[in-house]
N, C-alpha and C. Protein backbone atom coordinates (compact mmCIF):
# COMPACT_ATOMS: atom_id res chain seq x y z
N MET A 1 108.99 122.29 -29.40
CA MET A 1 109.52 122.58 -30.71
C MET A 1 110.28 121.36 -31.21
N PRO A 2 109.95 120.86 -32.39
CA PRO A 2 110.61 119.65 -32.89
C PRO A 2 112.08 119.90 -33.22
N TYR A 3 112.86 118.85 -33.11
CA TYR A 3 114.30 118.92 -33.41
C TYR A 3 114.50 118.96 -34.91
N ARG A 4 115.32 119.89 -35.36
CA ARG A 4 115.69 119.98 -36.77
C ARG A 4 117.16 119.64 -36.89
N PRO A 5 117.57 118.96 -37.97
CA PRO A 5 118.99 118.59 -38.12
C PRO A 5 119.94 119.78 -38.05
N THR A 6 119.46 120.98 -38.33
CA THR A 6 120.33 122.15 -38.28
C THR A 6 120.47 122.69 -36.87
N ASP A 7 119.58 122.26 -35.97
CA ASP A 7 119.67 122.70 -34.58
C ASP A 7 120.82 121.98 -33.89
N HIS A 8 121.37 122.62 -32.89
CA HIS A 8 122.37 121.94 -32.07
C HIS A 8 121.63 121.09 -31.06
N PRO A 9 122.08 119.84 -30.86
CA PRO A 9 121.40 119.00 -29.86
C PRO A 9 121.55 119.60 -28.47
N PRO A 10 120.61 119.33 -27.59
CA PRO A 10 120.72 119.87 -26.23
C PRO A 10 121.97 119.33 -25.55
N ARG A 11 122.59 120.15 -24.72
CA ARG A 11 123.81 119.74 -24.02
C ARG A 11 123.45 119.06 -22.71
N LEU A 12 124.25 118.08 -22.38
CA LEU A 12 124.09 117.35 -21.13
C LEU A 12 125.04 117.95 -20.11
N SER A 13 124.51 118.37 -18.99
CA SER A 13 125.37 118.97 -17.97
C SER A 13 126.13 117.88 -17.22
N ARG A 14 127.23 118.25 -16.62
CA ARG A 14 128.04 117.32 -15.83
C ARG A 14 127.19 116.73 -14.71
N ARG A 15 126.41 117.57 -14.07
CA ARG A 15 125.57 117.11 -12.96
C ARG A 15 124.57 116.07 -13.46
N ASP A 16 123.91 116.33 -14.60
CA ASP A 16 122.93 115.39 -15.13
C ASP A 16 123.58 114.06 -15.50
N ALA A 17 124.79 114.11 -16.05
CA ALA A 17 125.49 112.88 -16.42
C ALA A 17 125.83 112.06 -15.18
N LEU A 18 126.34 112.72 -14.14
CA LEU A 18 126.69 112.00 -12.91
C LEU A 18 125.46 111.44 -12.21
N VAL A 19 124.39 112.24 -12.20
CA VAL A 19 123.15 111.77 -11.58
C VAL A 19 122.63 110.55 -12.34
N GLY A 20 122.67 110.61 -13.66
CA GLY A 20 122.21 109.48 -14.47
C GLY A 20 123.04 108.24 -14.26
N ALA A 21 124.35 108.39 -14.28
CA ALA A 21 125.24 107.24 -14.09
C ALA A 21 125.08 106.66 -12.68
N SER A 22 124.99 107.53 -11.69
CA SER A 22 124.82 107.07 -10.31
C SER A 22 123.47 106.38 -10.13
N SER A 23 122.44 106.94 -10.75
CA SER A 23 121.11 106.34 -10.65
C SER A 23 121.10 104.95 -11.26
N LEU A 24 121.79 104.80 -12.39
CA LEU A 24 121.87 103.49 -13.03
C LEU A 24 122.54 102.48 -12.10
N GLY A 25 123.63 102.90 -11.48
CA GLY A 25 124.33 102.01 -10.55
C GLY A 25 123.48 101.66 -9.35
N LEU A 26 122.80 102.65 -8.80
CA LEU A 26 121.95 102.40 -7.64
C LEU A 26 120.76 101.51 -8.01
N ALA A 27 120.23 101.69 -9.21
CA ALA A 27 119.12 100.84 -9.65
C ALA A 27 119.58 99.39 -9.75
N ALA A 28 120.80 99.20 -10.24
CA ALA A 28 121.34 97.84 -10.33
C ALA A 28 121.49 97.22 -8.94
N LEU A 29 121.91 98.04 -7.98
CA LEU A 29 122.07 97.53 -6.62
C LEU A 29 120.74 97.34 -5.91
N ALA A 30 119.76 98.16 -6.24
CA ALA A 30 118.48 98.12 -5.53
C ALA A 30 117.57 97.01 -6.02
N SER A 31 117.75 96.55 -7.26
CA SER A 31 116.81 95.57 -7.80
C SER A 31 116.66 94.31 -6.95
N PRO A 32 117.73 93.78 -6.33
CA PRO A 32 117.52 92.62 -5.45
C PRO A 32 116.67 92.95 -4.23
N ALA A 33 116.63 94.20 -3.82
CA ALA A 33 115.86 94.59 -2.64
C ALA A 33 114.36 94.43 -2.89
N PHE A 34 113.95 94.48 -4.16
CA PHE A 34 112.54 94.37 -4.49
C PHE A 34 112.16 92.95 -4.91
N ALA A 35 113.10 92.04 -4.83
CA ALA A 35 112.82 90.65 -5.20
C ALA A 35 111.87 90.02 -4.19
N ASP A 36 111.16 89.00 -4.63
CA ASP A 36 110.23 88.29 -3.76
C ASP A 36 111.03 87.55 -2.69
N THR A 37 110.78 87.87 -1.44
CA THR A 37 111.51 87.24 -0.35
C THR A 37 110.62 86.30 0.46
N ALA A 38 109.47 85.95 -0.08
CA ALA A 38 108.53 85.11 0.66
C ALA A 38 109.01 83.66 0.76
N HIS A 39 109.82 83.20 -0.16
CA HIS A 39 110.26 81.80 -0.11
C HIS A 39 111.47 81.65 0.81
N GLU A 40 111.65 80.46 1.32
CA GLU A 40 112.71 80.19 2.29
C GLU A 40 113.91 79.53 1.62
N HIS A 41 115.08 79.83 2.11
CA HIS A 41 116.31 79.18 1.68
C HIS A 41 116.84 78.39 2.87
N ALA A 42 117.62 77.35 2.57
CA ALA A 42 118.18 76.53 3.64
C ALA A 42 119.08 77.37 4.54
N ALA A 43 119.95 78.17 3.93
CA ALA A 43 120.84 79.03 4.71
C ALA A 43 120.94 80.37 3.99
N PRO A 44 120.66 81.45 4.70
CA PRO A 44 120.75 82.75 4.03
C PRO A 44 122.19 83.05 3.62
N ALA A 45 122.35 83.48 2.38
CA ALA A 45 123.67 83.83 1.86
C ALA A 45 123.83 85.34 1.88
N ALA A 46 125.07 85.78 1.85
CA ALA A 46 125.33 87.22 1.79
C ALA A 46 124.79 87.75 0.46
N ASN A 47 124.23 88.92 0.49
CA ASN A 47 123.69 89.52 -0.72
C ASN A 47 124.84 89.90 -1.65
N PRO A 48 124.96 89.23 -2.81
CA PRO A 48 126.08 89.52 -3.70
C PRO A 48 126.04 90.94 -4.26
N ALA A 49 124.86 91.53 -4.32
CA ALA A 49 124.76 92.87 -4.88
C ALA A 49 125.36 93.93 -3.97
N THR A 50 125.45 93.66 -2.68
CA THR A 50 126.01 94.66 -1.77
C THR A 50 127.40 94.30 -1.28
N ARG A 51 127.86 93.13 -1.61
CA ARG A 51 129.18 92.68 -1.14
C ARG A 51 130.29 93.62 -1.62
N HIS A 52 130.19 94.08 -2.86
CA HIS A 52 131.20 94.96 -3.45
C HIS A 52 130.59 96.32 -3.80
N ARG A 53 129.68 96.77 -2.96
CA ARG A 53 128.93 98.01 -3.22
C ARG A 53 129.84 99.20 -3.51
N SER A 54 130.85 99.40 -2.70
CA SER A 54 131.74 100.55 -2.87
C SER A 54 132.46 100.50 -4.21
N LEU A 55 132.88 99.31 -4.61
CA LEU A 55 133.56 99.15 -5.90
C LEU A 55 132.61 99.45 -7.05
N VAL A 56 131.38 98.95 -6.97
CA VAL A 56 130.39 99.21 -8.02
C VAL A 56 130.14 100.70 -8.16
N LEU A 57 129.88 101.37 -7.04
CA LEU A 57 129.56 102.80 -7.10
C LEU A 57 130.74 103.64 -7.57
N THR A 58 131.95 103.28 -7.15
CA THR A 58 133.14 104.01 -7.58
C THR A 58 133.36 103.83 -9.07
N ALA A 59 133.18 102.61 -9.57
CA ALA A 59 133.36 102.36 -11.00
C ALA A 59 132.32 103.10 -11.83
N ILE A 60 131.09 103.13 -11.36
CA ILE A 60 130.02 103.84 -12.08
C ILE A 60 130.29 105.35 -12.09
N GLU A 61 130.76 105.88 -10.98
CA GLU A 61 131.11 107.31 -10.93
C GLU A 61 132.24 107.60 -11.92
N CYS A 62 133.21 106.71 -11.99
CA CYS A 62 134.34 106.88 -12.91
C CYS A 62 133.84 106.90 -14.36
N VAL A 63 132.85 106.06 -14.68
CA VAL A 63 132.26 106.05 -16.02
C VAL A 63 131.66 107.42 -16.34
N GLY A 64 130.88 107.96 -15.41
CA GLY A 64 130.24 109.26 -15.64
C GLY A 64 131.24 110.37 -15.87
N ILE A 65 132.26 110.43 -15.04
CA ILE A 65 133.29 111.46 -15.19
C ILE A 65 134.06 111.23 -16.48
N GLY A 66 134.36 109.96 -16.77
CA GLY A 66 135.06 109.63 -18.02
C GLY A 66 134.27 110.03 -19.25
N GLN A 67 132.96 109.85 -19.21
CA GLN A 67 132.12 110.26 -20.35
C GLN A 67 132.21 111.77 -20.58
N MET A 68 132.20 112.52 -19.48
CA MET A 68 132.31 113.98 -19.62
C MET A 68 133.68 114.38 -20.16
N CYS A 69 134.71 113.68 -19.72
CA CYS A 69 136.06 113.96 -20.20
C CYS A 69 136.16 113.64 -21.70
N LEU A 70 135.57 112.52 -22.10
CA LEU A 70 135.59 112.14 -23.50
C LEU A 70 134.87 113.19 -24.35
N GLN A 71 133.76 113.71 -23.86
CA GLN A 71 133.06 114.77 -24.60
C GLN A 71 133.92 116.02 -24.69
N HIS A 72 134.65 116.33 -23.63
CA HIS A 72 135.58 117.47 -23.67
C HIS A 72 136.62 117.25 -24.76
N CYS A 73 137.14 116.04 -24.85
CA CYS A 73 138.12 115.72 -25.90
C CYS A 73 137.50 115.94 -27.28
N PHE A 74 136.28 115.48 -27.47
CA PHE A 74 135.61 115.65 -28.77
C PHE A 74 135.43 117.12 -29.10
N GLN A 75 135.10 117.92 -28.10
CA GLN A 75 134.95 119.36 -28.33
C GLN A 75 136.28 119.97 -28.76
N GLN A 76 137.36 119.52 -28.14
CA GLN A 76 138.69 120.01 -28.52
C GLN A 76 139.02 119.59 -29.94
N PHE A 77 138.67 118.35 -30.30
CA PHE A 77 138.92 117.88 -31.66
C PHE A 77 138.16 118.74 -32.67
N ALA A 78 136.90 119.04 -32.35
CA ALA A 78 136.07 119.86 -33.24
C ALA A 78 136.66 121.25 -33.43
N ALA A 79 137.37 121.73 -32.41
CA ALA A 79 138.00 123.05 -32.49
C ALA A 79 139.37 122.98 -33.17
N GLY A 80 139.78 121.78 -33.58
CA GLY A 80 141.05 121.63 -34.28
C GLY A 80 142.22 121.24 -33.39
N ASP A 81 141.98 121.03 -32.10
CA ASP A 81 143.04 120.66 -31.17
C ASP A 81 143.03 119.15 -30.97
N THR A 82 144.06 118.47 -31.46
CA THR A 82 144.13 117.01 -31.33
C THR A 82 145.10 116.58 -30.22
N SER A 83 145.49 117.50 -29.37
CA SER A 83 146.46 117.18 -28.31
C SER A 83 145.91 116.19 -27.29
N LEU A 84 144.60 116.00 -27.26
CA LEU A 84 143.99 115.08 -26.30
C LEU A 84 143.65 113.72 -26.93
N ALA A 85 144.22 113.42 -28.08
CA ALA A 85 143.88 112.18 -28.78
C ALA A 85 144.20 110.94 -27.95
N VAL A 86 145.40 110.87 -27.40
CA VAL A 86 145.78 109.70 -26.59
C VAL A 86 144.93 109.66 -25.32
N CYS A 87 144.66 110.81 -24.75
CA CYS A 87 143.81 110.89 -23.56
C CYS A 87 142.43 110.30 -23.88
N ALA A 88 141.88 110.65 -25.03
CA ALA A 88 140.56 110.13 -25.42
C ALA A 88 140.59 108.61 -25.58
N MET A 89 141.68 108.09 -26.14
CA MET A 89 141.79 106.63 -26.31
C MET A 89 141.87 105.92 -24.96
N ARG A 90 142.70 106.43 -24.05
CA ARG A 90 142.82 105.82 -22.72
C ARG A 90 141.49 105.93 -21.98
N ASN A 91 140.81 107.05 -22.16
CA ASN A 91 139.52 107.29 -21.51
C ASN A 91 138.48 106.28 -22.00
N GLN A 92 138.45 106.04 -23.29
CA GLN A 92 137.49 105.09 -23.85
C GLN A 92 137.74 103.69 -23.29
N GLU A 93 139.01 103.31 -23.18
CA GLU A 93 139.36 102.01 -22.59
C GLU A 93 138.90 101.94 -21.13
N MET A 94 139.14 103.03 -20.41
CA MET A 94 138.77 103.08 -18.99
C MET A 94 137.26 102.93 -18.82
N ILE A 95 136.50 103.63 -19.64
CA ILE A 95 135.04 103.57 -19.54
C ILE A 95 134.54 102.14 -19.75
N ALA A 96 135.06 101.48 -20.78
CA ALA A 96 134.65 100.10 -21.06
C ALA A 96 135.01 99.18 -19.89
N ALA A 97 136.21 99.34 -19.35
CA ALA A 97 136.65 98.50 -18.23
C ALA A 97 135.80 98.76 -16.99
N CYS A 98 135.49 100.02 -16.71
CA CYS A 98 134.68 100.35 -15.53
C CYS A 98 133.28 99.77 -15.63
N GLN A 99 132.68 99.85 -16.81
CA GLN A 99 131.34 99.30 -16.98
C GLN A 99 131.34 97.79 -16.72
N ALA A 100 132.33 97.11 -17.27
CA ALA A 100 132.41 95.66 -17.06
C ALA A 100 132.72 95.34 -15.60
N LEU A 101 133.62 96.11 -15.00
CA LEU A 101 133.98 95.89 -13.60
C LEU A 101 132.76 96.06 -12.69
N ALA A 102 131.98 97.10 -12.91
CA ALA A 102 130.79 97.33 -12.09
C ALA A 102 129.81 96.17 -12.22
N THR A 103 129.65 95.66 -13.42
CA THR A 103 128.74 94.53 -13.64
C THR A 103 129.24 93.28 -12.91
N LEU A 104 130.53 92.98 -13.05
CA LEU A 104 131.09 91.79 -12.40
C LEU A 104 131.10 91.94 -10.88
N ALA A 105 131.35 93.15 -10.39
CA ALA A 105 131.36 93.38 -8.94
C ALA A 105 129.95 93.23 -8.36
N ALA A 106 128.96 93.75 -9.06
CA ALA A 106 127.58 93.62 -8.58
C ALA A 106 127.15 92.16 -8.53
N ALA A 107 127.70 91.36 -9.45
CA ALA A 107 127.37 89.94 -9.50
C ALA A 107 128.29 89.09 -8.63
N SER A 108 129.26 89.71 -7.97
CA SER A 108 130.27 88.98 -7.19
C SER A 108 130.88 87.84 -8.01
N SER A 109 131.29 88.16 -9.21
CA SER A 109 131.87 87.18 -10.13
C SER A 109 133.08 86.49 -9.51
N ALA A 110 133.24 85.22 -9.81
CA ALA A 110 134.40 84.47 -9.34
C ALA A 110 135.69 85.01 -9.95
N GLN A 111 135.60 85.68 -11.09
CA GLN A 111 136.77 86.23 -11.78
C GLN A 111 137.01 87.70 -11.42
N LEU A 112 136.27 88.23 -10.47
CA LEU A 112 136.35 89.66 -10.16
C LEU A 112 137.75 90.10 -9.76
N THR A 113 138.42 89.37 -8.90
CA THR A 113 139.75 89.78 -8.44
C THR A 113 140.74 89.83 -9.60
N ASP A 114 140.73 88.80 -10.44
CA ASP A 114 141.64 88.79 -11.60
C ASP A 114 141.31 89.93 -12.56
N PHE A 115 140.02 90.14 -12.80
CA PHE A 115 139.62 91.20 -13.72
C PHE A 115 139.97 92.57 -13.16
N ALA A 116 139.83 92.75 -11.86
CA ALA A 116 140.15 94.03 -11.23
C ALA A 116 141.63 94.37 -11.39
N GLN A 117 142.49 93.35 -11.39
CA GLN A 117 143.92 93.60 -11.60
C GLN A 117 144.18 94.12 -13.01
N VAL A 118 143.51 93.54 -14.00
CA VAL A 118 143.64 94.01 -15.38
C VAL A 118 143.11 95.44 -15.48
N CYS A 119 141.96 95.67 -14.86
CA CYS A 119 141.35 97.00 -14.89
C CYS A 119 142.26 98.04 -14.25
N SER A 120 142.92 97.69 -13.18
CA SER A 120 143.81 98.64 -12.51
C SER A 120 144.88 99.15 -13.46
N ALA A 121 145.41 98.28 -14.31
CA ALA A 121 146.41 98.70 -15.29
C ALA A 121 145.80 99.67 -16.30
N ILE A 122 144.58 99.41 -16.70
CA ILE A 122 143.88 100.30 -17.64
C ILE A 122 143.63 101.66 -16.98
N TYR A 123 143.17 101.64 -15.73
CA TYR A 123 142.89 102.89 -15.01
C TYR A 123 144.16 103.69 -14.78
N LYS A 124 145.26 103.00 -14.49
CA LYS A 124 146.53 103.68 -14.26
C LYS A 124 147.00 104.37 -15.54
N ALA A 125 146.85 103.71 -16.69
CA ALA A 125 147.23 104.32 -17.97
C ALA A 125 146.39 105.56 -18.24
N CYS A 126 145.10 105.49 -17.93
CA CYS A 126 144.21 106.64 -18.11
C CYS A 126 144.59 107.76 -17.15
N GLU A 127 144.81 107.40 -15.90
CA GLU A 127 145.19 108.40 -14.90
C GLU A 127 146.47 109.13 -15.32
N ASP A 128 147.48 108.36 -15.72
CA ASP A 128 148.76 108.96 -16.12
C ASP A 128 148.60 109.91 -17.30
N GLU A 129 147.81 109.50 -18.28
CA GLU A 129 147.60 110.34 -19.47
C GLU A 129 146.82 111.60 -19.09
N CYS A 130 145.80 111.45 -18.26
CA CYS A 130 144.99 112.61 -17.86
C CYS A 130 145.83 113.62 -17.08
N ARG A 131 146.73 113.15 -16.26
CA ARG A 131 147.55 114.07 -15.47
C ARG A 131 148.48 114.91 -16.34
N LYS A 132 148.78 114.44 -17.54
CA LYS A 132 149.59 115.23 -18.48
C LYS A 132 148.84 116.49 -18.93
N HIS A 133 147.52 116.46 -18.80
CA HIS A 133 146.68 117.57 -19.26
C HIS A 133 146.06 118.28 -18.06
N HIS A 134 146.88 118.55 -17.05
CA HIS A 134 146.40 119.13 -15.79
C HIS A 134 145.79 120.51 -15.96
N HIS A 135 146.00 121.14 -17.11
CA HIS A 135 145.41 122.46 -17.35
C HIS A 135 143.93 122.35 -17.73
N HIS A 136 143.42 121.13 -17.91
CA HIS A 136 142.00 120.90 -18.15
C HIS A 136 141.41 120.31 -16.86
N ALA A 137 140.47 121.00 -16.26
CA ALA A 137 139.89 120.56 -14.99
C ALA A 137 139.28 119.16 -15.08
N ILE A 138 138.61 118.87 -16.18
CA ILE A 138 137.96 117.56 -16.31
C ILE A 138 138.99 116.45 -16.40
N CYS A 139 140.17 116.74 -16.94
CA CYS A 139 141.22 115.72 -17.01
C CYS A 139 141.72 115.38 -15.60
N ILE A 140 141.88 116.38 -14.77
CA ILE A 140 142.29 116.14 -13.38
C ILE A 140 141.20 115.37 -12.64
N GLU A 141 139.96 115.74 -12.87
CA GLU A 141 138.84 115.05 -12.22
C GLU A 141 138.80 113.58 -12.64
N THR A 142 139.07 113.32 -13.91
CA THR A 142 139.10 111.94 -14.40
C THR A 142 140.27 111.18 -13.79
N ALA A 143 141.43 111.81 -13.72
CA ALA A 143 142.60 111.16 -13.11
C ALA A 143 142.31 110.78 -11.67
N GLU A 144 141.66 111.66 -10.93
CA GLU A 144 141.33 111.38 -9.54
C GLU A 144 140.30 110.26 -9.42
N ALA A 145 139.34 110.23 -10.34
CA ALA A 145 138.34 109.15 -10.34
C ALA A 145 139.02 107.80 -10.62
N CYS A 146 139.98 107.81 -11.54
CA CYS A 146 140.73 106.58 -11.83
C CYS A 146 141.51 106.13 -10.60
N ALA A 147 142.14 107.07 -9.92
CA ALA A 147 142.92 106.73 -8.71
C ALA A 147 142.01 106.13 -7.64
N LYS A 148 140.81 106.68 -7.47
CA LYS A 148 139.86 106.13 -6.50
C LYS A 148 139.45 104.71 -6.87
N THR A 149 139.25 104.49 -8.16
CA THR A 149 138.82 103.17 -8.61
C THR A 149 139.96 102.16 -8.45
N ILE A 150 141.19 102.59 -8.71
CA ILE A 150 142.35 101.72 -8.48
C ILE A 150 142.40 101.32 -7.00
N ALA A 151 142.20 102.28 -6.12
CA ALA A 151 142.23 102.00 -4.68
C ALA A 151 141.15 100.98 -4.30
N GLU A 152 139.98 101.09 -4.89
CA GLU A 152 138.91 100.11 -4.62
C GLU A 152 139.29 98.73 -5.14
N CYS A 153 139.92 98.68 -6.32
CA CYS A 153 140.36 97.39 -6.88
C CYS A 153 141.40 96.74 -5.97
N GLU A 154 142.29 97.55 -5.43
CA GLU A 154 143.35 97.02 -4.57
C GLU A 154 142.80 96.42 -3.28
N LYS A 155 141.64 96.86 -2.85
CA LYS A 155 141.02 96.30 -1.64
C LYS A 155 140.64 94.82 -1.84
N LEU A 156 140.43 94.42 -3.10
CA LEU A 156 140.07 93.03 -3.37
C LEU A 156 141.23 92.08 -3.12
N THR A 157 142.44 92.56 -3.32
CA THR A 157 143.61 91.69 -3.17
C THR A 157 144.31 91.87 -1.83
N ALA A 158 143.83 92.82 -1.04
CA ALA A 158 144.48 93.09 0.26
C ALA A 158 144.15 92.03 1.28
């Protein structure tokens, strides 16, 4: 049945969003595995795509949960409740930072440690704001995802 502008668009389930985000992250990590390995290098180097694997996957998971939280905020706005406005702003910042962090971590960027410190401040602001809305399950889930990502960032400087 074709989509009509008066129809409501299909809803994306939390599971589908997480599976999609995780699949994207895994695809980014897996692509070097399919590279041509027939040529020789003078000295084998550590695979940069797996060096920060845990950080990449944690950041990508945080993006997926953050996207669901942001959609929850939009639904609240549509219902006339603007109490999650600051939460939505912090969430949007967190999502952007996580996407960039995952990209830099997968590439083992020379600036990764410095960038992770900046990201940790962004994630902490999001976590703190989300915890204010503990009566929303997705807000708590987002706060916990931010805390996990902060812990992964801290491993870079330990």
